[in-house]
Amino acid sequence: MIPLNHHPLVNPMSKAGWLFLAAAACGSAQAAEDEACPTRTELPPTVNFRVDNDLFGGADQDEGYTNGVQLSLVSPNLKDYTDDPCLPRMARFINRYLGAIQPEGFDQQNMVFTLSQAIYTPKDFSRKDLIEEDRPYAAALLVGFGYNARKGNALRTTQLKLGWVGPSARGEEVQNAVHKVLGDDEFEGWKNQLRDEPVFMLQHERMNRFAWGQGKWTWDAITHYGGALGNYQTYLSGGAEMRFGRYLPDDFGSTPLRPAGENTAPRSESQPGSVFRIHGFLTTDVRWVGRDITLDGNTWKDSHSVDKRNVVAYAGFGVAMMKGRWKFALARYYSTREFDGQDEPPVFGSFTISYAL
């Protein structure tokens, strides 16, 4: 699904990931004290936390892409990716090995680091046997490194995601813990989930922003096209987002499931920090899907799979509110059926909270 692609517990990369977050917090504070990061005061680093859940999409719905969690850390605008003091030492060290996917020659740029988990289940929670006509049980745990680069009203974003699909992603444990707290029934068929497999996905997307109006109330449109390659997901996509509101952010979209969403793209200027800002957004996306491991099953091992549909369309709407260092976004997403025999088109909701450090 627009699944962003997918929004942390146990991961072969988790140790480095948590070290990165710790170093980022310390490094950012030190950079501010030493005044070594001139863009930090005007455009500070940002932490985003997002929760997706299909229960937000309608009553008694708990299936498909049923839950996702993502934590992301966004840098200030950077001079470069390996020597800029706005990045902590750990990030600069990692970036020395990812030069092939880093943009060059742009006016503004930043780095995004993510930790995420996504959980997928069939519709019937009570069956312990393999449900051949429904999608497989699956969980994915991913760490991502993203690079955004802006020139005028054009943006390119590249993200590398690495991680794990299968029992090691701890989907069963997380879902059972949440259902226990909520008093909901547990899903009984996790023994049929996809087998352990390391996964990767390289995403690339181009965006253009068109803005109209002056003053407090304005509107804009952001077009996008791109794709992904990897054993996790392979696809081509294109679509657009429309926004209208009070003091629109000068970025490239507010839908949190898109690359460079959550206001993570470099802005051309700082926005009023003390005023209340609000806007609504509508988003669409059409995707040709060559591979989706959560539907196609394991790459090199025998596992459950379904006949996915190669062309899938998505639509969503939401509202974003900003005040001072805080931002909140609520959204709801709809999709056409993703595989043959799927009972209902997927619907799920998303909530994001952001804080500028």
Foldseek 3Di string as FASTA:
>chain_A
DLQLPAAADDWPCVVLVVVQVVLLVVLQVVCVVVVQQVQCVQFNKKKKKKKKALCQFDPLFQFFFGIKIKIKIKFGWAPDQQPRSSGGNSRNVVVVVVVVQEDDDAPTKIKMKMWMKIWGHFGDQPDQDDDQLTFATKMWIKIKIKMWGDHDQKIKMKMKIKTKMAVSSVRQVVQVVVCVVVVHDHRNHNVQHFHIDIKMKMWMKMKGKDWDDDDFKTKIKMWMWTWMDMQAWTKTKIWMKIKIWGQDFQFHEADVSHVCHPVSHHHPGGTDAADKIKMKMKIKMKMFTPHHCSADGDDPDDHRHFAFDRIKMKMKMWMWIHHHFKIKIKMKMWMDGGGPNRPDTGIMIMIMIMGRD
